[in-house]
Structure formats: C-alpha cells, structure tokens
C-alpha cells in the first residue's frame, strides 16, 4: 500500500466559468504521480463531496475565483463532517482575499494557495500532509 497513488479531486464550485487554473493544477498533480479526478465546472458542494466519497480521495482541491468561497467552503466542510470524511484534506486555490484566509482555515481548510503559488509547493504540501496521515506521533 506504500506506493498507492495519492487521490486528489479537483473541483470548480459555484458559477465561476474559468477552469484554466484548475486544469493546470490537475495536470501538475498528475505529472507528480498523483491520481486526479477533475469534476468540471459549476459543481455544488453536494456534488463535490459526493464525488469525493465515490472516488475515495484523500485530498479535495477547490478552485474558486468567483468570490463565493465564504459560502461554498463551510458547506463542503459541513458535508465532509456529515459523511465522516474528516480525514480528507481540503485545499483552496484561487482569488482569496487575505482577510478571508483565517476564517477558511478555522473552517478546516488545510491550506490556501493564492495566484502565483509554485506548483512544486502545492505538490510538496499534498505529499507531506497525506503521507503524514495515519503515522503514529514520534513513530
């Protein structure tokens, strides 16, 4: 199981019609050896969590440019909790104003990647945090 690929769901929630960034990230994660499921545009939180459940992913990456992150992200987090998917890491990328970062992290988002973040940093973050799961502290 040690070489099982990290499974990542990349989703574009809300009414935002721009998915170039999400596709670039999906390709970068694939190139880094991860298994990527891309849901396409205009996904509801319910559709995203349902897909994450079906695909048994370890990471959900939400790409949000529309400014609706303060409505969408807490709903996704709530649905993950309802489905007992507390071990799924949620990442948010896109246009997230600095003043909203703390609130999203309090809601349970593991990391927020704003425009200009190097792909390597995102890959590194995912690898570090997914591999770290299930490993006993100090073991």
Protein backbone atom coordinates (compact mmCIF):
# COMPACT_ATOMS: atom_id res chain seq x y z
CA UNK A 1 0.00 0.00 0.00
CA UNK A 2 3.06 2.23 0.38
CA UNK A 3 3.11 3.10 -3.31
CA UNK A 4 -0.62 3.67 -3.61
CA UNK A 5 -1.13 6.90 -5.53
CA UNK A 6 -2.45 9.92 -3.71
CA UNK A 7 -6.01 10.52 -4.98
CA UNK A 8 -6.99 14.16 -5.46
CA UNK A 9 -10.34 15.58 -6.50
CA UNK A 10 -10.04 18.97 -8.24
CA UNK A 11 -13.33 20.85 -8.32
CA UNK A 12 -14.66 24.18 -9.57
CA UNK A 13 -17.55 25.09 -7.28
CA UNK A 14 -20.03 27.85 -7.90
CA UNK A 15 -20.85 29.80 -11.03
CA UNK A 16 -17.28 30.59 -11.98
CA UNK A 17 -16.71 29.64 -15.63
CA UNK A 18 -12.92 29.86 -15.67
CA UNK A 19 -11.22 26.49 -15.29
CA UNK A 20 -7.80 27.01 -16.84
CA UNK A 21 -6.09 27.23 -13.45
CA UNK A 22 -7.86 24.11 -12.20
CA UNK A 23 -6.77 22.21 -15.32
CA UNK A 24 -3.16 23.41 -14.95
CA UNK A 25 -3.12 22.20 -11.34
CA UNK A 26 -4.76 18.89 -12.26
CA UNK A 27 -2.07 18.31 -14.88
CA UNK A 28 0.77 19.29 -12.49
CA UNK A 29 -0.53 16.88 -9.83
CA UNK A 30 -0.88 14.13 -12.43
CA UNK A 31 2.68 14.80 -13.64
CA UNK A 32 3.79 14.47 -10.00
CA UNK A 33 2.35 10.94 -9.95
CA UNK A 34 -0.98 11.60 -8.27
CA UNK A 35 -4.31 10.28 -9.43
CA UNK A 36 -6.51 13.28 -10.25
CA UNK A 37 -10.24 13.36 -10.69
CA UNK A 38 -11.43 16.63 -12.24
CA UNK A 39 -15.13 17.33 -11.75
CA UNK A 40 -15.54 20.13 -14.27
CA UNK A 41 -17.31 23.46 -13.87
CA UNK A 42 -20.20 24.65 -11.74
CA UNK A 43 -20.14 22.00 -9.03
CA UNK A 44 -22.28 22.31 -5.92
CA UNK A 45 -20.77 21.40 -2.54
CA UNK A 46 -23.07 18.35 -2.57
CA UNK A 47 -21.73 17.21 -5.96
CA UNK A 48 -18.13 17.71 -4.82
CA UNK A 49 -18.49 15.74 -1.58
CA UNK A 50 -20.46 13.00 -3.34
CA UNK A 51 -17.70 12.65 -5.96
CA UNK A 52 -15.03 12.66 -3.23
CA UNK A 53 -16.87 9.87 -1.43
CA UNK A 54 -17.33 7.77 -4.58
CA UNK A 55 -13.73 8.24 -5.70
CA UNK A 56 -12.29 7.64 -2.21
CA UNK A 57 -9.96 10.63 -2.43
CA UNK A 58 -7.53 11.84 0.24
CA UNK A 59 -7.48 15.45 -0.98
CA UNK A 60 -10.09 17.86 -2.33
CA UNK A 61 -8.76 20.90 -4.17
CA UNK A 62 -11.31 23.67 -4.65
CA UNK A 63 -10.51 26.28 -7.27
CA UNK A 64 -12.57 29.40 -6.58
CA UNK A 65 -12.29 32.68 -8.44
CA UNK A 66 -15.87 33.86 -8.02
CA UNK A 67 -15.61 35.25 -4.50
CA UNK A 68 -18.13 32.70 -3.18
CA UNK A 69 -15.55 30.88 -1.05
CA UNK A 70 -17.07 32.04 2.27
CA UNK A 71 -20.36 30.35 1.32
CA UNK A 72 -19.03 27.29 -0.52
CA UNK A 73 -16.12 26.17 1.68
CA UNK A 74 -18.01 25.95 5.02
CA UNK A 75 -20.75 23.93 3.24
CA UNK A 76 -18.18 21.50 1.81
CA UNK A 77 -16.59 21.13 5.26
CA UNK A 78 -20.01 20.51 6.85
CA UNK A 79 -20.88 17.82 4.27
CA UNK A 80 -17.50 16.13 4.77
CA UNK A 81 -18.17 16.01 8.51
CA UNK A 82 -21.69 14.60 7.95
CA UNK A 83 -20.17 11.86 5.78
CA UNK A 84 -17.46 11.12 8.39
CA UNK A 85 -14.76 12.17 5.92
CA UNK A 86 -12.74 14.13 8.47
CA UNK A 87 -9.51 12.64 7.13
CA UNK A 88 -9.90 14.31 3.72
CA UNK A 89 -7.56 17.28 3.31
CA UNK A 90 -9.25 20.32 1.76
CA UNK A 91 -7.16 22.84 -0.17
CA UNK A 92 -8.45 26.07 -1.67
CA UNK A 93 -6.86 27.87 -4.57
CA UNK A 94 -7.80 30.99 -6.44
CA UNK A 95 -8.61 34.57 -5.61
CA UNK A 96 -8.94 34.53 -1.82
CA UNK A 97 -8.59 37.92 -0.11
CA UNK A 98 -6.07 37.87 2.75
CA UNK A 99 -8.76 38.83 5.28
CA UNK A 100 -10.69 35.61 4.47
CA UNK A 101 -7.76 33.21 4.94
CA UNK A 102 -8.09 32.83 8.73
CA UNK A 103 -11.83 32.13 8.55
CA UNK A 104 -11.31 29.43 5.93
CA UNK A 105 -8.56 27.81 7.99
CA UNK A 106 -10.81 27.90 11.07
CA UNK A 107 -13.47 26.14 8.97
CA UNK A 108 -10.96 23.33 8.44
CA UNK A 109 -9.15 24.17 5.20
CA UNK A 110 -5.61 22.74 5.35
CA UNK A 111 -4.04 25.32 3.03
CA UNK A 112 -4.89 28.20 0.75
CA UNK A 113 -2.92 28.75 -2.44
CA UNK A 114 -3.22 32.19 -3.95
CA UNK A 115 -2.28 33.14 -7.52
CA UNK A 116 1.42 32.78 -8.18
CA UNK A 117 1.96 29.79 -5.87
CA UNK A 118 4.56 27.46 -7.38
CA UNK A 119 3.16 24.07 -8.46
CA UNK A 120 6.03 22.39 -6.60
CA UNK A 121 4.84 23.98 -3.35
CA UNK A 122 1.35 22.54 -3.83
CA UNK A 123 2.73 19.08 -4.70
CA UNK A 124 5.06 19.19 -1.69
CA UNK A 125 2.25 20.24 0.64
CA UNK A 126 -0.01 17.40 -0.52
CA UNK A 127 2.74 14.78 -0.28
CA UNK A 128 3.79 15.94 3.19
CA UNK A 129 0.27 16.05 4.58
CA UNK A 130 -1.17 12.92 3.01
CA UNK A 131 1.83 10.73 3.84
CA UNK A 132 1.76 12.10 7.37
CA UNK A 133 -1.70 10.67 7.99
CA UNK A 134 -2.07 7.51 9.99
CA UNK A 135 1.54 7.62 11.17
CA UNK A 136 1.75 7.47 14.97
CA UNK A 137 3.33 10.56 16.52
CA UNK A 138 7.05 10.04 17.03
CA UNK A 139 6.85 6.76 15.15
